[in-house]
Amino acid sequence: MSFLRLILFISLSVFILTGAFAQQFGGEEGGNGAEDAASKKKDEHSPDSVFVSFFSINEQGAYTRYAVSKPLNSFQDYDAAKQHNQFFANLGNPGTASASLLYNLHSGPNFRFKPDAYEPYKIKDDSIKIYISKSPFSHLRYYMGPQKEQKLELTLGQRIGNGLYLGVSARFANAPGIYLRQRAYDAGATFYGAFLYPTQRYGAIVTYRTDRSVNYENGGIQDIQDFTLNRESDRKIINTNLTDAMNRSKCRSVVFQQYFNILKNKVAIKTDSTTSYVPRKFDAGRIVYTLRY
């Protein structure tokens, strides 16, 4: 916990300093004074409706950008196992072991014969979101459920230069459960730095991920009739099979990826007095290099 707090404090300090520098640098660039400011104001978004997009790292290097928005339906984010599949089996507590009842093939460079029961609740490299925004972007979410279940998510993104982006994201989740030794705790953070050339022909991204979890194991209740006959309304006093078992998981990873488009995305078409750029009809592909540790 002390390491994560230190990293978050340093990241917040960097974002505050870079934000102040960006405001000062932007104020010195004004060339024509009030006339230019008035003309630009008509085309710019207001601060509360600024457009923010994001993308994630993938093996193909295809960085499709998605707008940050929330629909009015299907916005359940509390239990990660329910986000994309409602048919699954678990131990009745967010963060505990779960298994999908539908077959799903996860393609990737690695392979394991037995699926990870805690996989939906872990931070993965391909789930790290790189945010693209002209102004600083922050997102804070807090969930609170029954039995003192809590989840906190913090996201910060900042553009510090032309095509240069930095960001940090952290999340903490705690679900004690209604039975003895059913607690699930998850804590993790991700950091990213991205350089995207203005013409989108070259880009380089580096991410760092740290994630850990603690899951208590009670082995089930000793007398099944305590559940079937509902003898006790307070589930905390029901005896369980295991008294000191738990699963611990800790992971750190670094990913570096860069790409280069063989051809430019747009082609210049010259007329008598003007030059216009149109999207290229033929795409020769791109070269992608990925390093994972």
Protein backbone atom coordinates (compact mmCIF):
# COMPACT_ATOMS: atom_id res chain seq x y z
CA MET A 1 0.00 0.00 0.00
CA SER A 2 2.81 2.44 0.81
CA PHE A 3 4.35 1.93 -2.64
CA LEU A 4 1.06 2.63 -4.43
CA ARG A 5 0.43 5.75 -2.35
CA LEU A 6 3.90 7.06 -3.18
CA ILE A 7 3.39 6.48 -6.90
CA LEU A 8 -0.03 8.16 -6.83
CA PHE A 9 1.38 11.17 -4.97
CA ILE A 10 4.20 11.59 -7.48
CA SER A 11 1.80 11.23 -10.42
CA LEU A 12 -0.61 13.82 -9.02
CA SER A 13 2.27 16.25 -8.50
CA VAL A 14 3.45 15.78 -12.10
CA PHE A 15 -0.05 16.37 -13.48
CA ILE A 16 -0.53 19.56 -11.44
CA LEU A 17 2.84 20.97 -12.55
CA THR A 18 2.35 20.05 -16.22
CA GLY A 19 -1.18 21.51 -16.16
CA ALA A 20 0.11 24.82 -14.82
CA PHE A 21 2.89 24.88 -17.42
CA ALA A 22 0.44 24.13 -20.22
CA GLN A 23 -1.82 27.01 -19.16
CA GLN A 24 1.12 29.43 -19.05
CA PHE A 25 2.47 28.24 -22.40
CA GLY A 26 -0.96 28.43 -24.01
CA GLY A 27 -1.46 32.00 -22.78
CA GLU A 28 1.78 33.14 -24.43
CA GLU A 29 0.87 31.77 -27.85
CA GLY A 30 -1.94 34.26 -28.57
CA GLY A 31 -0.92 36.16 -31.69
CA ASN A 32 -3.83 38.43 -32.61
CA GLY A 33 -5.34 38.91 -29.18
CA ALA A 34 -9.09 39.11 -28.66
CA GLU A 35 -9.99 38.64 -32.33
CA ASP A 36 -8.33 35.22 -32.56
CA ALA A 37 -9.81 34.15 -29.20
CA ALA A 38 -13.32 35.12 -30.34
CA SER A 39 -12.99 33.22 -33.62
CA LYS A 40 -11.65 30.08 -31.95
CA LYS A 41 -14.28 30.11 -29.23
CA LYS A 42 -17.02 29.34 -31.75
CA ASP A 43 -15.36 26.09 -32.83
CA GLU A 44 -14.10 24.83 -29.46
CA HIS A 45 -16.02 22.62 -27.08
CA SER A 46 -16.92 23.93 -23.67
CA PRO A 47 -14.85 22.50 -20.76
CA ASP A 48 -17.74 20.30 -19.59
CA SER A 49 -18.28 18.72 -23.03
CA VAL A 50 -14.75 18.35 -24.33
CA PHE A 51 -14.24 15.34 -26.61
CA VAL A 52 -12.08 12.58 -25.11
CA SER A 53 -11.21 9.31 -26.82
CA PHE A 54 -9.19 6.27 -25.81
CA PHE A 55 -7.64 3.12 -27.26
CA SER A 56 -5.95 0.00 -25.93
CA ILE A 57 -2.83 -1.91 -26.88
CA ASN A 58 -3.35 -4.98 -29.07
CA GLU A 59 -1.19 -7.42 -30.97
CA GLN A 60 -2.11 -6.00 -34.39
CA GLY A 61 -1.26 -2.44 -33.45
CA ALA A 62 -4.71 -1.32 -34.63
CA TYR A 63 -5.49 1.61 -32.36
CA THR A 64 -9.20 2.14 -32.92
CA ARG A 65 -10.29 5.10 -30.82
CA TYR A 66 -13.52 5.06 -28.84
CA ALA A 67 -15.30 8.06 -27.37
CA VAL A 68 -15.62 8.25 -23.59
CA SER A 69 -19.37 8.04 -22.98
CA LYS A 70 -21.88 6.13 -20.90
CA PRO A 71 -25.18 4.81 -22.30
CA LEU A 72 -28.44 4.93 -20.39
CA ASN A 73 -28.61 1.13 -20.28
CA SER A 74 -26.12 -1.72 -19.86
CA PHE A 75 -23.77 0.43 -17.76
CA GLN A 76 -23.23 -2.11 -14.95
CA ASP A 77 -19.63 -1.82 -13.75
CA TYR A 78 -19.88 -3.09 -10.19
CA ASP A 79 -19.16 -6.79 -10.77
CA ALA A 80 -16.58 -7.31 -13.50
CA ALA A 81 -17.76 -10.88 -14.18
CA LYS A 82 -21.20 -9.57 -15.24
CA GLN A 83 -20.02 -6.91 -17.68
CA HIS A 84 -19.95 -9.08 -20.81
CA ASN A 85 -21.61 -12.32 -19.73
CA GLN A 86 -24.57 -12.91 -17.42
CA PHE A 87 -24.12 -16.70 -17.47
CA PHE A 88 -21.42 -17.56 -14.96
CA ALA A 89 -20.96 -19.32 -11.64
CA ASN A 90 -19.26 -17.74 -8.64
CA LEU A 91 -19.13 -17.87 -4.87
CA GLY A 92 -21.68 -15.08 -4.42
CA ASN A 93 -19.21 -12.28 -3.73
CA PRO A 94 -17.58 -9.84 -6.20
CA GLY A 95 -13.89 -10.65 -6.54
CA THR A 96 -14.12 -14.33 -5.62
CA ALA A 97 -13.55 -17.27 -7.95
CA SER A 98 -15.90 -17.33 -10.94
CA ALA A 99 -16.29 -19.39 -14.10
CA SER A 100 -18.11 -18.60 -17.32
CA LEU A 101 -20.80 -21.06 -18.36
CA LEU A 102 -20.31 -20.13 -22.02
CA TYR A 103 -17.22 -21.11 -24.02
CA ASN A 104 -15.07 -18.18 -25.05
CA LEU A 105 -11.75 -18.48 -26.89
CA HIS A 106 -9.19 -15.93 -25.70
CA SER A 107 -6.59 -15.51 -28.42
CA GLY A 108 -3.17 -14.27 -27.37
CA PRO A 109 0.54 -15.04 -27.36
CA ASN A 110 0.26 -17.27 -24.30
CA PHE A 111 -1.95 -20.27 -23.56
CA ARG A 112 -3.01 -22.10 -20.42
CA PHE A 113 -5.07 -25.29 -20.25
CA LYS A 114 -7.01 -24.31 -17.13
CA PRO A 115 -8.78 -20.93 -17.07
CA ASP A 116 -7.95 -18.49 -14.30
CA ALA A 117 -10.86 -18.30 -11.85
CA TYR A 118 -9.92 -14.72 -10.88
CA GLU A 119 -9.25 -13.48 -14.42
CA PRO A 120 -12.30 -11.13 -14.68
CA TYR A 121 -11.10 -9.10 -11.70
CA LYS A 122 -7.47 -8.67 -12.71
CA ILE A 123 -5.94 -5.75 -14.58
CA LYS A 124 -4.64 -6.88 -17.95
CA ASP A 125 -2.30 -5.20 -20.43
CA ASP A 126 -4.91 -5.09 -23.18
CA SER A 127 -7.41 -3.40 -20.84
CA ILE A 128 -5.18 -0.38 -20.14
CA LYS A 129 -6.83 2.65 -21.75
CA ILE A 130 -4.67 5.38 -23.31
CA TYR A 131 -6.69 8.61 -23.28
CA ILE A 132 -6.34 11.21 -26.02
CA SER A 133 -7.46 14.71 -25.07
CA LYS A 134 -6.23 18.24 -25.65
CA SER A 135 -7.03 19.24 -22.06
CA PRO A 136 -6.37 17.35 -18.79
CA PHE A 137 -8.80 14.49 -18.24
CA SER A 138 -9.81 13.00 -14.88
CA HIS A 139 -12.38 10.38 -13.99
CA LEU A 140 -13.38 9.28 -10.48
CA ARG A 141 -15.84 6.47 -9.77
CA TYR A 142 -16.96 5.05 -6.43
CA TYR A 143 -19.27 2.09 -5.87
CA MET A 144 -20.80 1.01 -2.58
CA GLY A 145 -22.83 -2.14 -2.07
CA PRO A 146 -24.27 -4.22 0.78
CA GLN A 147 -22.08 -5.76 3.49
CA LYS A 148 -19.59 -2.84 3.25
CA GLU A 149 -18.60 -3.65 -0.34
CA GLN A 150 -16.63 -0.77 -1.82
CA LYS A 151 -14.83 -0.03 -5.06
CA LEU A 152 -12.84 3.07 -6.01
CA GLU A 153 -11.43 3.89 -9.46
CA LEU A 154 -9.27 6.91 -10.32
CA THR A 155 -8.08 7.91 -13.79
CA LEU A 156 -5.89 10.86 -14.80
CA GLY A 157 -4.73 11.76 -18.30
CA GLN A 158 -2.61 14.67 -19.55
CA ARG A 159 -1.14 15.85 -22.84
CA ILE A 160 2.23 17.40 -22.08
CA GLY A 161 3.35 18.12 -25.63
CA ASN A 162 2.59 17.74 -29.31
CA GLY A 163 1.62 14.06 -29.56
CA LEU A 164 2.98 13.19 -26.09
CA TYR A 165 0.55 11.80 -23.48
CA LEU A 166 0.91 10.56 -19.90
CA GLY A 167 -1.65 8.88 -17.67
CA VAL A 168 -2.23 6.91 -14.49
CA SER A 169 -5.13 4.76 -13.34
CA ALA A 170 -5.69 3.08 -9.98
CA ARG A 171 -8.43 0.92 -8.53
CA PHE A 172 -9.18 -0.54 -5.10
CA ALA A 173 -11.97 -3.03 -4.37
CA ASN A 174 -13.00 -4.62 -1.08
CA ALA A 175 -15.88 -7.08 -0.61
CA PRO A 176 -16.07 -8.73 2.84
CA GLY A 177 -18.95 -11.08 1.93
CA ILE A 178 -21.78 -12.31 4.14
CA TYR A 179 -20.05 -15.48 5.39
CA LEU A 180 -16.88 -15.95 7.40
CA ARG A 181 -13.61 -15.66 5.47
CA GLN A 182 -15.25 -14.69 2.21
CA ARG A 183 -13.40 -11.41 1.79
CA ALA A 184 -11.97 -10.42 -1.58
CA TYR A 185 -9.51 -7.53 -1.90
CA ASP A 186 -8.01 -6.14 -5.10
CA ALA A 187 -5.59 -3.25 -5.54
CA GLY A 188 -3.68 -2.17 -8.62
CA ALA A 189 -2.48 0.70 -10.76
CA THR A 190 -1.36 1.29 -14.34
CA PHE A 191 0.88 3.96 -15.85
CA TYR A 192 1.34 4.78 -19.51
CA GLY A 193 3.29 7.11 -21.76
CA ALA A 194 2.48 7.48 -25.44
CA PHE A 195 4.00 9.36 -28.34
CA LEU A 196 1.79 9.61 -31.42
CA TYR A 197 3.20 11.44 -34.42
CA PRO A 198 0.74 14.09 -35.67
CA THR A 199 0.40 12.34 -39.06
CA GLN A 200 -0.30 9.01 -37.25
CA ARG A 201 2.46 7.34 -39.23
CA TYR A 202 4.60 6.45 -36.21
CA GLY A 203 3.73 5.81 -32.60
CA ALA A 204 5.36 4.42 -29.45
CA ILE A 205 3.63 3.38 -26.23
CA VAL A 206 4.98 2.08 -22.92
CA THR A 207 2.82 0.83 -20.04
CA TYR A 208 3.54 -0.40 -16.53
CA ARG A 209 1.05 -2.51 -14.57
CA THR A 210 1.05 -3.61 -10.95
CA ASP A 211 -1.79 -5.66 -9.53
CA ARG A 212 -2.33 -7.76 -6.43
CA SER A 213 -5.25 -9.53 -4.80
CA VAL A 214 -6.06 -11.41 -1.59
CA ASN A 215 -8.95 -13.90 -1.53
CA TYR A 216 -9.91 -15.68 1.66
CA GLU A 217 -11.09 -19.30 1.35
CA ASN A 218 -13.61 -20.79 3.81
CA GLY A 219 -14.19 -24.11 2.04
CA GLY A 220 -17.95 -23.83 2.39
CA ILE A 221 -20.16 -24.13 5.47
CA GLN A 222 -19.83 -27.18 7.71
CA ASP A 223 -23.55 -28.01 8.04
CA ILE A 224 -25.49 -27.59 4.81
CA GLN A 225 -28.75 -27.43 6.75
CA ASP A 226 -27.71 -24.07 8.15
CA PHE A 227 -28.31 -22.81 4.62
CA THR A 228 -31.23 -24.95 3.46
CA LEU A 229 -33.25 -24.49 6.68
CA ASN A 230 -32.11 -20.87 7.12
CA ARG A 231 -31.40 -21.38 10.80
CA GLU A 232 -29.33 -18.21 11.27
CA SER A 233 -30.11 -14.80 9.85
CA ASP A 234 -26.57 -13.64 10.66
CA ARG A 235 -24.34 -15.61 8.30
CA LYS A 236 -21.19 -14.56 10.15
CA ILE A 237 -21.85 -17.02 12.97
CA ILE A 238 -22.16 -20.06 10.70
CA ASN A 239 -19.12 -22.35 10.97
CA THR A 240 -17.01 -22.91 7.87
CA ASN A 241 -14.61 -25.72 6.90
CA LEU A 242 -11.41 -23.66 6.55
CA THR A 243 -10.10 -21.16 9.09
CA ASP A 244 -6.80 -19.84 7.71
CA ALA A 245 -6.69 -20.51 3.95
CA MET A 246 -6.28 -17.74 1.39
CA ASN A 247 -5.13 -17.12 -2.18
CA ARG A 248 -2.63 -14.37 -2.89
CA SER A 249 -1.76 -13.03 -6.32
CA LYS A 250 0.80 -10.40 -7.30
CA CYS A 251 1.81 -9.36 -10.79
CA ARG A 252 3.89 -6.65 -12.45
CA SER A 253 4.41 -6.17 -16.16
CA VAL A 254 5.92 -3.76 -18.66
CA VAL A 255 4.82 -3.47 -22.29
CA PHE A 256 6.57 -1.46 -24.98
CA GLN A 257 5.05 -1.24 -28.44
CA GLN A 258 5.86 0.87 -31.47
CA TYR A 259 4.46 0.90 -34.98
CA PHE A 260 5.27 2.42 -38.35
CA ASN A 261 2.82 2.79 -41.24
CA ILE A 262 4.51 1.98 -44.54
CA LEU A 263 2.48 4.55 -46.46
CA LYS A 264 0.97 7.85 -45.40
CA ASN A 265 -2.71 7.86 -44.50
CA LYS A 266 -3.57 10.72 -46.87
CA VAL A 267 -2.57 11.68 -50.40
CA ALA A 268 -2.04 15.25 -51.57
CA ILE A 269 -4.05 16.35 -54.61
CA LYS A 270 -2.88 19.59 -56.20
CA THR A 271 -5.11 21.84 -58.23
CA ASP A 272 -4.37 25.18 -59.88
CA SER A 273 -4.11 27.17 -56.66
CA THR A 274 -4.82 24.82 -53.74
CA THR A 275 -3.65 21.52 -52.32
CA SER A 276 -6.09 19.16 -50.65
CA TYR A 277 -5.52 15.90 -48.79
CA VAL A 278 -7.78 12.87 -49.21
CA PRO A 279 -7.62 9.44 -47.51
CA ARG A 280 -5.48 6.90 -49.32
CA LYS A 281 -7.47 4.10 -50.97
CA PHE A 282 -4.67 1.52 -50.67
CA ASP A 283 -3.14 0.58 -47.33
CA ALA A 284 0.21 -1.22 -47.45
CA GLY A 285 0.02 -2.20 -43.78
CA ARG A 286 2.24 -1.41 -40.84
CA ILE A 287 5.25 -2.77 -38.98
CA VAL A 288 4.58 -3.46 -35.29
CA TYR A 289 7.13 -4.34 -32.60
CA THR A 290 5.93 -5.40 -29.14
CA LEU A 291 8.01 -6.20 -26.06
CA ARG A 292 6.32 -7.75 -23.01
CA TYR A 293 8.01 -8.50 -19.72
